[in-house]
Amino acid sequence: KDVQSKFWATYKRVSNEYDDDFLERANDDMAIILTFAGLFSAVNSTFIVGMQPNPADTTNFLMLQLIKIVAEGPNAVNDINGLSSSTGYPSSTVWMQTLAYASLSFSVLAAFGAVMGKQW
């Protein structure tokens, strides 16, 4: 009986050391993943913002039309065909934005997984 008690005491000590080492490494890995996912999300968000159309172009065009109406009177011909429509984007731009948003989604999902892993 003494041999079995010694065996289980040794087993418990060794398994606790192994488990503690494993959890420490996993926690460090999750911290690294969380850091890189956060940095990647920030950079990706910057690219997404940079790909957005400039709303100032539409605003400037409409302001110019208002100035023409004030200067020429209410009967002035208003040609608003120069406004860009929301569906007039090239397919390459739509694909790039789709990939950027998908990449951002996966990055946020990875950060969420890392947070859940650290809390578990």
PDB file of N, CA and C in Angstrom:
ATOM      1  N   LYS A   1       0.825  -1.190   0.000  1.00  0.00           N
ATOM      2  CA  LYS A   1       0.000   0.000   0.000  1.00  0.00           C
ATOM      3  C   LYS A   1       0.868   1.252   0.000  1.00  0.00           C
ATOM      4  N   ASP A   2       1.981   1.219   0.650  1.00  0.00           N
ATOM      5  CA  ASP A   2       2.883   2.360   0.703  1.00  0.00           C
ATOM      6  C   ASP A   2       3.445   2.699  -0.666  1.00  0.00           C
ATOM      7  N   VAL A   3       3.698   1.685  -1.503  1.00  0.00           N
ATOM      8  CA  VAL A   3       4.218   1.906  -2.852  1.00  0.00           C
ATOM      9  C   VAL A   3       3.172   2.602  -3.719  1.00  0.00           C
ATOM     10  N   GLN A   4       1.924   2.204  -3.582  1.00  0.00           N
ATOM     11  CA  GLN A   4       0.856   2.830  -4.363  1.00  0.00           C
ATOM     12  C   GLN A   4       0.659   4.284  -3.948  1.00  0.00           C
ATOM     13  N   SER A   5       0.707   4.580  -2.680  1.00  0.00           N
ATOM     14  CA  SER A   5       0.556   5.960  -2.199  1.00  0.00           C
ATOM     15  C   SER A   5       1.682   6.834  -2.731  1.00  0.00           C
ATOM     16  N   LYS A   6       2.896   6.289  -2.713  1.00  0.00           N
ATOM     17  CA  LYS A   6       4.043   7.038  -3.226  1.00  0.00           C
ATOM     18  C   LYS A   6       3.906   7.276  -4.725  1.00  0.00           C
ATOM     19  N   PHE A   7       3.417   6.248  -5.451  1.00  0.00           N
ATOM     20  CA  PHE A   7       3.208   6.381  -6.890  1.00  0.00           C
ATOM     21  C   PHE A   7       2.213   7.498  -7.205  1.00  0.00           C
ATOM     22  N   TRP A   8       1.051   7.483  -6.517  1.00  0.00           N
ATOM     23  CA  TRP A   8       0.027   8.492  -6.807  1.00  0.00           C
ATOM     24  C   TRP A   8       0.454   9.883  -6.368  1.00  0.00           C
ATOM     25  N   ALA A   9       1.206   9.988  -5.305  1.00  0.00           N
ATOM     26  CA  ALA A   9       1.715  11.291  -4.868  1.00  0.00           C
ATOM     27  C   ALA A   9       2.695  11.849  -5.903  1.00  0.00           C
ATOM     28  N   THR A  10       3.552  10.981  -6.412  1.00  0.00           N
ATOM     29  CA  THR A  10       4.495  11.404  -7.453  1.00  0.00           C
ATOM     30  C   THR A  10       3.753  11.754  -8.740  1.00  0.00           C
ATOM     31  N   TYR A  11       2.772  10.919  -9.090  1.00  0.00           N
ATOM     32  CA  TYR A  11       1.970  11.194 -10.296  1.00  0.00           C
ATOM     33  C   TYR A  11       1.263  12.534 -10.189  1.00  0.00           C
ATOM     34  N   LYS A  12       0.686  12.822  -9.025  1.00  0.00           N
ATOM     35  CA  LYS A  12      -0.020  14.084  -8.840  1.00  0.00           C
ATOM     36  C   LYS A  12       0.934  15.267  -8.950  1.00  0.00           C
ATOM     37  N   ARG A  13       2.111  15.159  -8.372  1.00  0.00           N
ATOM     38  CA  ARG A  13       3.092  16.245  -8.429  1.00  0.00           C
ATOM     39  C   ARG A  13       3.538  16.495  -9.868  1.00  0.00           C
ATOM     40  N   VAL A  14       3.879  15.424 -10.583  1.00  0.00           N
ATOM     41  CA  VAL A  14       4.358  15.553 -11.966  1.00  0.00           C
ATOM     42  C   VAL A  14       3.241  16.073 -12.873  1.00  0.00           C
ATOM     43  N   SER A  15       2.032  15.555 -12.700  1.00  0.00           N
ATOM     44  CA  SER A  15       0.928  16.014 -13.559  1.00  0.00           C
ATOM     45  C   SER A  15       0.577  17.471 -13.277  1.00  0.00           C
ATOM     46  N   ASN A  16       0.648  17.898 -12.030  1.00  0.00           N
ATOM     47  CA  ASN A  16       0.403  19.310 -11.708  1.00  0.00           C
ATOM     48  C   ASN A  16       1.459  20.211 -12.329  1.00  0.00           C
ATOM     49  N   GLU A  17       2.715  19.787 -12.300  1.00  0.00           N
ATOM     50  CA  GLU A  17       3.773  20.573 -12.936  1.00  0.00           C
ATOM     51  C   GLU A  17       3.544  20.676 -14.439  1.00  0.00           C
ATOM     52  N   TYR A  18       3.188  19.543 -15.046  1.00  0.00           N
ATOM     53  CA  TYR A  18       2.934  19.531 -16.491  1.00  0.00           C
ATOM     54  C   TYR A  18       1.738  20.414 -16.836  1.00  0.00           C
ATOM     55  N   ASP A  19       0.670  20.301 -16.066  1.00  0.00           N
ATOM     56  CA  ASP A  19      -0.527  21.101 -16.322  1.00  0.00           C
ATOM     57  C   ASP A  19      -0.254  22.591 -16.141  1.00  0.00           C
ATOM     58  N   ASP A  20       0.476  22.936 -15.098  1.00  0.00           N
ATOM     59  CA  ASP A  20       0.804  24.347 -14.858  1.00  0.00           C
ATOM     60  C   ASP A  20       1.657  24.908 -15.989  1.00  0.00           C
ATOM     61  N   ASP A  21       2.628  24.125 -16.441  1.00  0.00           N
ATOM     62  CA  ASP A  21       3.474  24.557 -17.557  1.00  0.00           C
ATOM     63  C   ASP A  21       2.655  24.714 -18.831  1.00  0.00           C
ATOM     64  N   PHE A  22       1.774  23.759 -19.086  1.00  0.00           N
ATOM     65  CA  PHE A  22       0.926  23.822 -20.276  1.00  0.00           C
ATOM     66  C   PHE A  22       0.014  25.044 -20.240  1.00  0.00           C
ATOM     67  N   LEU A  23      -0.619  25.299 -19.106  1.00  0.00           N
ATOM     68  CA  LEU A  23      -1.520  26.446 -18.993  1.00  0.00           C
ATOM     69  C   LEU A  23      -0.770  27.771 -19.111  1.00  0.00           C
ATOM     70  N   GLU A  24       0.439  27.826 -18.589  1.00  0.00           N
ATOM     71  CA  GLU A  24       1.233  29.057 -18.702  1.00  0.00           C
ATOM     72  C   GLU A  24       1.600  29.333 -20.163  1.00  0.00           C
ATOM     73  N   ARG A  25       2.026  28.277 -20.881  1.00  0.00           N
ATOM     74  CA  ARG A  25       2.347  28.447 -22.298  1.00  0.00           C
ATOM     75  C   ARG A  25       1.111  28.831 -23.103  1.00  0.00           C
ATOM     76  N   ALA A  26      -0.019  28.191 -22.818  1.00  0.00           N
ATOM     77  CA  ALA A  26      -1.254  28.503 -23.542  1.00  0.00           C
ATOM     78  C   ALA A  26      -1.691  29.936 -23.263  1.00  0.00           C
ATOM     79  N   ASN A  27      -1.556  30.384 -22.032  1.00  0.00           N
ATOM     80  CA  ASN A  27      -1.929  31.749 -21.678  1.00  0.00           C
ATOM     81  C   ASN A  27      -1.038  32.755 -22.390  1.00  0.00           C
ATOM     82  N   ASP A  28       0.261  32.469 -22.456  1.00  0.00           N
ATOM     83  CA  ASP A  28       1.181  33.351 -23.177  1.00  0.00           C
ATOM     84  C   ASP A  28       0.859  33.379 -24.672  1.00  0.00           C
ATOM     85  N   ASP A  29       0.535  32.224 -25.241  1.00  0.00           N
ATOM     86  CA  ASP A  29       0.173  32.173 -26.661  1.00  0.00           C
ATOM     87  C   ASP A  29      -1.102  32.964 -26.944  1.00  0.00           C
ATOM     88  N   MET A  30      -2.076  32.859 -26.051  1.00  0.00           N
ATOM     89  CA  MET A  30      -3.326  33.612 -26.233  1.00  0.00           C
ATOM     90  C   MET A  30      -3.074  35.114 -26.142  1.00  0.00           C
ATOM     91  N   ALA A  31      -2.169  35.518 -25.271  1.00  0.00           N
ATOM     92  CA  ALA A  31      -1.844  36.945 -25.158  1.00  0.00           C
ATOM     93  C   ALA A  31      -1.193  37.450 -26.443  1.00  0.00           C
ATOM     94  N   ILE A  32      -0.331  36.635 -27.031  1.00  0.00           N
ATOM     95  CA  ILE A  32       0.320  37.021 -28.285  1.00  0.00           C
ATOM     96  C   ILE A  32      -0.708  37.094 -29.410  1.00  0.00           C
ATOM     97  N   ILE A  33      -1.585  36.100 -29.484  1.00  0.00           N
ATOM     98  CA  ILE A  33      -2.628  36.108 -30.523  1.00  0.00           C
ATOM     99  C   ILE A  33      -3.531  37.316 -30.353  1.00  0.00           C
ATOM    100  N   LEU A  34      -3.891  37.639 -29.122  1.00  0.00           N
ATOM    101  CA  LEU A  34      -4.748  38.788 -28.860  1.00  0.00           C
ATOM    102  C   LEU A  34      -4.077  40.090 -29.283  1.00  0.00           C
ATOM    103  N   THR A  35      -2.797  40.216 -29.012  1.00  0.00           N
ATOM    104  CA  THR A  35      -2.061  41.422 -29.406  1.00  0.00           C
ATOM    105  C   THR A  35      -2.012  41.576 -30.921  1.00  0.00           C
ATOM    106  N   PHE A  36      -1.641  40.503 -31.615  1.00  0.00           N
ATOM    107  CA  PHE A  36      -1.547  40.594 -33.067  1.00  0.00           C
ATOM    108  C   PHE A  36      -2.902  40.757 -33.726  1.00  0.00           C
ATOM    109  N   ALA A  37      -3.939  40.133 -33.186  1.00  0.00           N
ATOM    110  CA  ALA A  37      -5.282  40.316 -33.740  1.00  0.00           C
ATOM    111  C   ALA A  37      -5.737  41.757 -33.568  1.00  0.00           C
ATOM    112  N   GLY A  38      -5.417  42.354 -32.434  1.00  0.00           N
ATOM    113  CA  GLY A  38      -5.768  43.760 -32.219  1.00  0.00           C
ATOM    114  C   GLY A  38      -5.026  44.688 -33.160  1.00  0.00           C
ATOM    115  N   LEU A  39      -3.734  44.444 -33.341  1.00  0.00           N
ATOM    116  CA  LEU A  39      -2.953  45.279 -34.260  1.00  0.00           C
ATOM    117  C   LEU A  39      -3.432  45.110 -35.700  1.00  0.00           C
ATOM    118  N   PHE A  40      -3.696  43.875 -36.100  1.00  0.00           N
ATOM    119  CA  PHE A  40      -4.172  43.622 -37.449  1.00  0.00           C
ATOM    120  C   PHE A  40      -5.534  44.271 -37.682  1.00  0.00           C
ATOM    121  N   SER A  41      -6.400  44.222 -36.680  1.00  0.00           N
ATOM    122  CA  SER A  41      -7.715  44.861 -36.807  1.00  0.00           C
ATOM    123  C   SER A  41      -7.576  46.365 -36.973  1.00  0.00           C
ATOM    124  N   ALA A  42      -6.659  46.967 -36.247  1.00  0.00           N
ATOM    125  CA  ALA A  42      -6.460  48.412 -36.358  1.00  0.00           C
ATOM    126  C   ALA A  42      -5.955  48.795 -37.748  1.00  0.00           C
ATOM    127  N   VAL A  43      -4.981  48.050 -38.251  1.00  0.00           N
ATOM    128  CA  VAL A  43      -4.445  48.344 -39.586  1.00  0.00           C
ATOM    129  C   VAL A  43      -5.500  48.083 -40.655  1.00  0.00           C
ATOM    130  N   ASN A  44      -6.230  47.001 -40.511  1.00  0.00           N
ATOM    131  CA  ASN A  44      -7.273  46.663 -41.473  1.00  0.00           C
ATOM    132  C   ASN A  44      -8.374  47.718 -41.473  1.00  0.00           C
ATOM    133  N   SER A  45      -8.748  48.209 -40.304  1.00  0.00           N
ATOM    134  CA  SER A  45      -9.761  49.269 -40.218  1.00  0.00           C
ATOM    135  C   SER A  45      -9.285  50.535 -40.911  1.00  0.00           C
ATOM    136  N   THR A  46      -8.006  50.824 -40.798  1.00  0.00           N
ATOM    137  CA  THR A  46      -7.452  51.999 -41.476  1.00  0.00           C
ATOM    138  C   THR A  46      -7.569  51.858 -42.990  1.00  0.00           C
ATOM    139  N   PHE A  47      -7.278  50.673 -43.512  1.00  0.00           N
ATOM    140  CA  PHE A  47      -7.424  50.458 -44.950  1.00  0.00           C
ATOM    141  C   PHE A  47      -8.881  50.546 -45.385  1.00  0.00           C
ATOM    142  N   ILE A  48      -9.790  50.032 -44.574  1.00  0.00           N
ATOM    143  CA  ILE A  48     -11.210  50.091 -44.917  1.00  0.00           C
ATOM    144  C   ILE A  48     -11.680  51.538 -44.978  1.00  0.00           C
ATOM    145  N   VAL A  49     -11.270  52.340 -44.015  1.00  0.00           N
ATOM    146  CA  VAL A  49     -11.649  53.753 -44.021  1.00  0.00           C
ATOM    147  C   VAL A  49     -11.056  54.454 -45.235  1.00  0.00           C
ATOM    148  N   GLY A  50      -9.833  54.096 -45.601  1.00  0.00           N
ATOM    149  CA  GLY A  50      -9.196  54.707 -46.767  1.00  0.00           C
ATOM    150  C   GLY A  50      -9.849  54.340 -48.081  1.00  0.00           C
ATOM    151  N   MET A  51     -10.527  53.191 -48.140  1.00  0.00           N
ATOM    152  CA  MET A  51     -11.189  52.764 -49.381  1.00  0.00           C
ATOM    153  C   MET A  51     -12.581  53.367 -49.562  1.00  0.00           C
ATOM    154  N   GLN A  52     -13.111  54.007 -48.530  1.00  0.00           N
ATOM    155  CA  GLN A  52     -14.460  54.552 -48.626  1.00  0.00           C
ATOM    156  C   GLN A  52     -14.480  55.733 -49.595  1.00  0.00           C
ATOM    157  N   PRO A  53     -15.612  55.914 -50.306  1.00  0.00           N
ATOM    158  CA  PRO A  53     -15.706  57.058 -51.206  1.00  0.00           C
ATOM    159  C   PRO A  53     -15.712  58.362 -50.400  1.00  0.00           C
ATOM    160  N   ASN A  54     -15.262  59.406 -51.025  1.00  0.00           N
ATOM    161  CA  ASN A  54     -15.165  60.695 -50.370  1.00  0.00           C
ATOM    162  C   ASN A  54     -16.535  61.388 -50.404  1.00  0.00           C
ATOM    163  N   PRO A  55     -17.200  61.544 -49.255  1.00  0.00           N
ATOM    164  CA  PRO A  55     -18.514  62.193 -49.263  1.00  0.00           C
ATOM    165  C   PRO A  55     -18.421  63.692 -49.551  1.00  0.00           C
ATOM    166  N   ALA A  56     -17.229  64.245 -49.448  1.00  0.00           N
ATOM    167  CA  ALA A  56     -17.073  65.677 -49.732  1.00  0.00           C
ATOM    168  C   ALA A  56     -17.315  65.980 -51.209  1.00  0.00           C
ATOM    169  N   ASP A  57     -17.059  65.025 -52.094  1.00  0.00           N
ATOM    170  CA  ASP A  57     -17.304  65.253 -53.516  1.00  0.00           C
ATOM    171  C   ASP A  57     -18.782  65.506 -53.781  1.00  0.00           C
ATOM    172  N   THR A  58     -19.638  64.698 -53.209  1.00  0.00           N
ATOM    173  CA  THR A  58     -21.084  64.881 -53.376  1.00  0.00           C
ATOM    174  C   THR A  58     -21.534  66.173 -52.730  1.00  0.00           C
ATOM    175  N   THR A  59     -21.031  66.468 -51.548  1.00  0.00           N
ATOM    176  CA  THR A  59     -21.399  67.701 -50.858  1.00  0.00           C
ATOM    177  C   THR A  59     -20.981  68.926 -51.666  1.00  0.00           C
ATOM    178  N   ASN A  60     -19.755  68.896 -52.200  1.00  0.00           N
ATOM    179  CA  ASN A  60     -19.282  70.028 -53.000  1.00  0.00           C
ATOM    180  C   ASN A  60     -20.120  70.209 -54.257  1.00  0.00           C
ATOM    181  N   PHE A  61     -20.504  69.120 -54.896  1.00  0.00           N
ATOM    182  CA  PHE A  61     -21.321  69.213 -56.096  1.00  0.00           C
ATOM    183  C   PHE A  61     -22.695  69.806 -55.770  1.00  0.00           C
ATOM    184  N   LEU A  62     -23.297  69.364 -54.682  1.00  0.00           N
ATOM    185  CA  LEU A  62     -24.602  69.898 -54.285  1.00  0.00           C
ATOM    186  C   LEU A  62     -24.510  71.363 -53.877  1.00  0.00           C
ATOM    187  N   MET A  63     -23.441  71.746 -53.215  1.00  0.00           N
ATOM    188  CA  MET A  63     -23.249  73.162 -52.869  1.00  0.00           C
ATOM    189  C   MET A  63     -23.117  74.018 -54.119  1.00  0.00           C
ATOM    190  N   LEU A  64     -22.399  73.486 -55.112  1.00  0.00           N
ATOM    191  CA  LEU A  64     -22.268  74.207 -56.377  1.00  0.00           C
ATOM    192  C   LEU A  64     -23.623  74.371 -57.053  1.00  0.00           C
ATOM    193  N   GLN A  65     -24.459  73.344 -57.001  1.00  0.00           N
ATOM    194  CA  GLN A  65     -25.804  73.431 -57.581  1.00  0.00           C
ATOM    195  C   GLN A  65     -26.649  74.464 -56.845  1.00  0.00           C
ATOM    196  N   LEU A  66     -26.547  74.513 -55.522  1.00  0.00           N
ATOM    197  CA  LEU A  66     -27.291  75.517 -54.752  1.00  0.00           C
ATOM    198  C   LEU A  66     -26.832  76.932 -55.081  1.00  0.00           C
ATOM    199  N   ILE A  67     -25.543  77.106 -55.258  1.00  0.00           N
ATOM    200  CA  ILE A  67     -25.015  78.424 -55.621  1.00  0.00           C
ATOM    201  C   ILE A  67     -25.519  78.830 -57.001  1.00  0.00           C
ATOM    202  N   LYS A  68     -25.568  77.863 -57.939  1.00  0.00           N
ATOM    203  CA  LYS A  68     -26.085  78.161 -59.282  1.00  0.00           C
ATOM    204  C   LYS A  68     -27.557  78.542 -59.216  1.00  0.00           C
ATOM    205  N   ILE A  69     -28.329  77.881 -58.373  1.00  0.00           N
ATOM    206  CA  ILE A  69     -29.749  78.211 -58.243  1.00  0.00           C
ATOM    207  C   ILE A  69     -29.914  79.615 -57.675  1.00  0.00           C
ATOM    208  N   VAL A  70     -29.109  79.947 -56.665  1.00  0.00           N
ATOM    209  CA  VAL A  70     -29.192  81.283 -56.075  1.00  0.00           C
ATOM    210  C   VAL A  70     -28.754  82.337 -57.088  1.00  0.00           C
ATOM    211  N   ALA A  71     -27.696  82.061 -57.853  1.00  0.00           N
ATOM    212  CA  ALA A  71     -27.175  83.048 -58.799  1.00  0.00           C
ATOM    213  C   ALA A  71     -28.057  83.201 -60.032  1.00  0.00           C
ATOM    214  N   GLU A  72     -28.605  82.108 -60.548  1.00  0.00           N
ATOM    215  CA  GLU A  72     -29.349  82.151 -61.803  1.00  0.00           C
ATOM    216  C   GLU A  72     -30.863  82.169 -61.604  1.00  0.00           C
ATOM    217  N   GLY A  73     -31.312  81.987 -60.381  1.00  0.00           N
ATOM    218  CA  GLY A  73     -32.747  82.006 -60.115  1.00  0.00           C
ATOM    219  C   GLY A  73     -33.307  80.594 -60.057  1.00  0.00           C
ATOM    220  N   PRO A  74     -34.553  80.494 -59.615  1.00  0.00           N
ATOM    221  CA  PRO A  74     -35.159  79.178 -59.433  1.00  0.00           C
ATOM    222  C   PRO A  74     -35.456  78.451 -60.739  1.00  0.00           C
ATOM    223  N   ASN A  75     -35.470  79.133 -61.860  1.00  0.00           N
ATOM    224  CA  ASN A  75     -35.750  78.497 -63.141  1.00  0.00           C
ATOM    225  C   ASN A  75     -34.499  77.967 -63.841  1.00  0.00           C
ATOM    226  N   ALA A  76     -33.392  77.981 -63.138  1.00  0.00           N
ATOM    227  CA  ALA A  76     -32.142  77.504 -63.737  1.00  0.00           C
ATOM    228  C   ALA A  76     -32.224  75.998 -63.956  1.00  0.00           C
ATOM    229  N   VAL A  77     -31.575  75.556 -65.024  1.00  0.00           N
ATOM    230  CA  VAL A  77     -31.556  74.124 -65.317  1.00  0.00           C
ATOM    231  C   VAL A  77     -30.574  73.458 -64.361  1.00  0.00           C
ATOM    232  N   ASN A  78     -31.057  72.470 -63.618  1.00  0.00           N
ATOM    233  CA  ASN A  78     -30.218  71.771 -62.653  1.00  0.00           C
ATOM    234  C   ASN A  78     -29.913  70.382 -63.181  1.00  0.00           C
ATOM    235  N   ASP A  79     -28.668  70.185 -63.521  1.00  0.00           N
ATOM    236  CA  ASP A  79     -28.243  68.873 -64.009  1.00  0.00           C
ATOM    237  C   ASP A  79     -27.534  68.155 -62.869  1.00  0.00           C
ATOM    238  N   ILE A  80     -28.215  67.193 -62.294  1.00  0.00           N
ATOM    239  CA  ILE A  80     -27.613  66.467 -61.179  1.00  0.00           C
ATOM    240  C   ILE A  80     -27.127  65.087 -61.625  1.00  0.00           C
ATOM    241  N   ASN A  81     -26.921  64.911 -62.910  1.00  0.00           N
ATOM    242  CA  ASN A  81     -26.413  63.636 -63.412  1.00  0.00           C
ATOM    243  C   ASN A  81     -24.959  63.405 -63.026  1.00  0.00           C
ATOM    244  N   GLY A  82     -24.280  64.477 -62.622  1.00  0.00           N
ATOM    245  CA  GLY A  82     -22.872  64.345 -62.249  1.00  0.00           C
ATOM    246  C   GLY A  82     -22.658  63.722 -60.879  1.00  0.00           C
ATOM    247  N   LEU A  83     -23.745  63.552 -60.136  1.00  0.00           N
ATOM    248  CA  LEU A  83     -23.602  62.926 -58.818  1.00  0.00           C
ATOM    249  C   LEU A  83     -23.282  61.447 -58.964  1.00  0.00           C
ATOM    250  N   SER A  84     -22.408  60.988 -58.103  1.00  0.00           N
ATOM    251  CA  SER A  84     -22.080  59.566 -58.158  1.00  0.00           C
ATOM    252  C   SER A  84     -23.166  58.787 -57.428  1.00  0.00           C
ATOM    253  N   SER A  85     -23.599  57.706 -58.031  1.00  0.00           N
ATOM    254  CA  SER A  85     -24.618  56.877 -57.385  1.00  0.00           C
ATOM    255  C   SER A  85     -23.944  55.881 -56.463  1.00  0.00           C
ATOM    256  N   SER A  86     -24.722  55.332 -55.548  1.00  0.00           N
ATOM    257  CA  SER A  86     -24.150  54.392 -54.595  1.00  0.00           C
ATOM    258  C   SER A  86     -23.893  53.032 -55.234  1.00  0.00           C
ATOM    259  N   THR A  87     -24.455  52.787 -56.414  1.00  0.00           N
ATOM    260  CA  THR A  87     -24.246  51.490 -57.061  1.00  0.00           C
ATOM    261  C   THR A  87     -23.228  51.561 -58.191  1.00  0.00           C
ATOM    262  N   GLY A  88     -22.574  52.663 -58.352  1.00  0.00           N
ATOM    263  CA  GLY A  88     -21.650  52.821 -59.464  1.00  0.00           C
ATOM    264  C   GLY A  88     -20.216  52.455 -59.164  1.00  0.00           C
ATOM    265  N   TYR A  89     -19.976  51.588 -58.208  1.00  0.00           N
ATOM    266  CA  TYR A  89     -18.609  51.225 -57.863  1.00  0.00           C
ATOM    267  C   TYR A  89     -18.118  50.124 -58.790  1.00  0.00           C
ATOM    268  N   PRO A  90     -16.846  50.166 -59.160  1.00  0.00           N
ATOM    269  CA  PRO A  90     -16.293  49.074 -59.967  1.00  0.00           C
ATOM    270  C   PRO A  90     -16.292  47.763 -59.165  1.00  0.00           C
ATOM    271  N   SER A  91     -16.365  46.669 -59.870  1.00  0.00           N
ATOM    272  CA  SER A  91     -16.427  45.371 -59.181  1.00  0.00           C
ATOM    273  C   SER A  91     -15.142  45.083 -58.402  1.00  0.00           C
ATOM    274  N   SER A  92     -14.018  45.590 -58.869  1.00  0.00           N
ATOM    275  CA  SER A  92     -12.767  45.367 -58.129  1.00  0.00           C
ATOM    276  C   SER A  92     -12.807  46.057 -56.766  1.00  0.00           C
ATOM    277  N   THR A  93     -13.412  47.233 -56.709  1.00  0.00           N
ATOM    278  CA  THR A  93     -13.533  47.939 -55.433  1.00  0.00           C
ATOM    279  C   THR A  93     -14.454  47.182 -54.490  1.00  0.00           C
ATOM    280  N   VAL A  94     -15.553  46.677 -55.031  1.00  0.00           N
ATOM    281  CA  VAL A  94     -16.489  45.911 -54.202  1.00  0.00           C
ATOM    282  C   VAL A  94     -15.807  44.659 -53.661  1.00  0.00           C
ATOM    283  N   TRP A  95     -15.023  43.974 -54.497  1.00  0.00           N
ATOM    284  CA  TRP A  95     -14.324  42.764 -54.043  1.00  0.00           C
ATOM    285  C   TRP A  95     -13.274  43.099 -52.990  1.00  0.00           C
ATOM    286  N   MET A  96     -12.548  44.186 -53.199  1.00  0.00           N
ATOM    287  CA  MET A  96     -11.521  44.564 -52.221  1.00  0.00           C
ATOM    288  C   MET A  96     -12.152  44.904 -50.873  1.00  0.00           C
ATOM    289  N   GLN A  97     -13.271  45.626 -50.900  1.00  0.00           N
ATOM    290  CA  GLN A  97     -13.934  45.962 -49.644  1.00  0.00           C
ATOM    291  C   GLN A  97     -14.531  44.716 -48.984  1.00  0.00           C
ATOM    292  N   THR A  98     -15.060  43.815 -49.792  1.00  0.00           N
ATOM    293  CA  THR A  98     -15.602  42.567 -49.246  1.00  0.00           C
ATOM    294  C   THR A  98     -14.503  41.770 -48.551  1.00  0.00           C
ATOM    295  N   LEU A  99     -13.352  41.659 -49.205  1.00  0.00           N
ATOM    296  CA  LEU A  99     -12.231  40.930 -48.593  1.00  0.00           C
ATOM    297  C   LEU A  99     -11.716  41.633 -47.339  1.00  0.00           C
ATOM    298  N   ALA A 100     -11.687  42.956 -47.373  1.00  0.00           N
ATOM    299  CA  ALA A 100     -11.219  43.699 -46.205  1.00  0.00           C
ATOM    300  C   ALA A 100     -12.170  43.513 -45.022  1.00  0.00           C
ATOM    301  N   TYR A 101     -13.469  43.572 -45.284  1.00  0.00           N
ATOM    302  CA  TYR A 101     -14.430  43.365 -44.199  1.00  0.00           C
ATOM    303  C   TYR A 101     -14.406  41.923 -43.694  1.00  0.00           C
ATOM    304  N   ALA A 102     -14.235  40.962 -44.586  1.00  0.00           N
ATOM    305  CA  ALA A 102     -14.119  39.560 -44.154  1.00  0.00           C
ATOM    306  C   ALA A 102     -12.869  39.372 -43.307  1.00  0.00           C
ATOM    307  N   SER A 103     -11.772  39.976 -43.721  1.00  0.00           N
ATOM    308  CA  SER A 103     -10.530  39.897 -42.958  1.00  0.00           C
ATOM    309  C   SER A 103     -10.697  40.521 -41.579  1.00  0.00           C
ATOM    310  N   LEU A 104     -11.376  41.657 -41.515  1.00  0.00           N
ATOM    311  CA  LEU A 104     -11.626  42.302 -40.224  1.00  0.00           C
ATOM    312  C   LEU A 104     -12.504  41.423 -39.346  1.00  0.00           C
ATOM    313  N   SER A 105     -13.500  40.794 -39.942  1.00  0.00           N
ATOM    314  CA  SER A 105     -14.384  39.908 -39.172  1.00  0.00           C
ATOM    315  C   SER A 105     -13.616  38.733 -38.587  1.00  0.00           C
ATOM    316  N   PHE A 106     -12.758  38.117 -39.384  1.00  0.00           N
ATOM    317  CA  PHE A 106     -11.976  36.989 -38.878  1.00  0.00           C
ATOM    318  C   PHE A 106     -10.979  37.424 -37.811  1.00  0.00           C
ATOM    319  N   SER A 107     -10.438  38.620 -37.959  1.00  0.00           N
ATOM    320  CA  SER A 107      -9.503  39.129 -36.959  1.00  0.00           C
ATOM    321  C   SER A 107     -10.215  39.373 -35.630  1.00  0.00           C
ATOM    322  N   VAL A 108     -11.408  39.943 -35.689  1.00  0.00           N
ATOM    323  CA  VAL A 108     -12.176  40.167 -34.469  1.00  0.00           C
ATOM    324  C   VAL A 108     -12.595  38.823 -33.864  1.00  0.00           C
ATOM    325  N   LEU A 109     -12.929  37.859 -34.711  1.00  0.00           N
ATOM    326  CA  LEU A 109     -13.278  36.518 -34.221  1.00  0.00           C
ATOM    327  C   LEU A 109     -12.072  35.863 -33.532  1.00  0.00           C
ATOM    328  N   ALA A 110     -10.879  36.044 -34.096  1.00  0.00           N
ATOM    329  CA  ALA A 110      -9.668  35.497 -33.469  1.00  0.00           C
ATOM    330  C   ALA A 110      -9.408  36.169 -32.127  1.00  0.00           C
ATOM    331  N   ALA A 111      -9.607  37.479 -32.060  1.00  0.00           N
ATOM    332  CA  ALA A 111      -9.422  38.183 -30.784  1.00  0.00           C
ATOM    333  C   ALA A 111     -10.445  37.704 -29.759  1.00  0.00           C
ATOM    334  N   PHE A 112     -11.677  37.488 -30.202  1.00  0.00           N
ATOM    335  CA  PHE A 112     -12.709  36.974 -29.298  1.00  0.00           C
ATOM    336  C   PHE A 112     -12.334  35.588 -28.781  1.00  0.00           C
ATOM    337  N   GLY A 113     -11.840  34.739 -29.672  1.00  0.00           N
ATOM    338  CA  GLY A 113     -11.404  33.407 -29.262  1.00  0.00           C
ATOM    339  C   GLY A 113     -10.254  33.454 -28.275  1.00  0.00           C
ATOM    340  N   ALA A 114      -9.336  34.399 -28.480  1.00  0.00           N
ATOM    341  CA  ALA A 114      -8.203  34.531 -27.561  1.00  0.00           C
ATOM    342  C   ALA A 114      -8.674  35.012 -26.180  1.00  0.00           C
ATOM    343  N   VAL A 115      -9.612  35.932 -26.161  1.00  0.00           N
ATOM    344  CA  VAL A 115     -10.140  36.395 -24.876  1.00  0.00           C
ATOM    345  C   VAL A 115     -10.869  35.255 -24.157  1.00  0.00           C
ATOM    346  N   MET A 116     -11.662  34.500 -24.914  1.00  0.00           N
ATOM    347  CA  MET A 116     -12.364  33.379 -24.301  1.00  0.00           C
ATOM    348  C   MET A 116     -11.375  32.320 -23.799  1.00  0.00           C
ATOM    349  N   GLY A 117     -10.310  32.092 -24.546  1.00  0.00           N
ATOM    350  CA  GLY A 117      -9.288  31.137 -24.124  1.00  0.00           C
ATOM    351  C   GLY A 117      -8.558  31.596 -22.864  1.00  0.00           C
ATOM    352  N   LYS A 118      -8.300  32.888 -22.766  1.00  0.00           N
ATOM    353  CA  LYS A 118      -7.616  33.399 -21.567  1.00  0.00           C
ATOM    354  C   LYS A 118      -8.514  33.330 -20.347  1.00  0.00           C
ATOM    355  N   GLN A 119      -9.804  33.537 -20.547  1.00  0.00           N
ATOM    356  CA  GLN A 119     -10.716  33.524 -19.391  1.00  0.00           C
ATOM    357  C   GLN A 119     -11.068  32.104 -18.968  1.00  0.00           C
ATOM    358  N   TRP A 120     -10.914  31.160 -19.856  1.00  0.00           N
ATOM    359  CA  TRP A 120     -11.259  29.779 -19.536  1.00  0.00           C
ATOM    360  C   TRP A 120     -10.207  29.227 -18.644  1.00  0.00           C
TER     361      TRP A 120
END
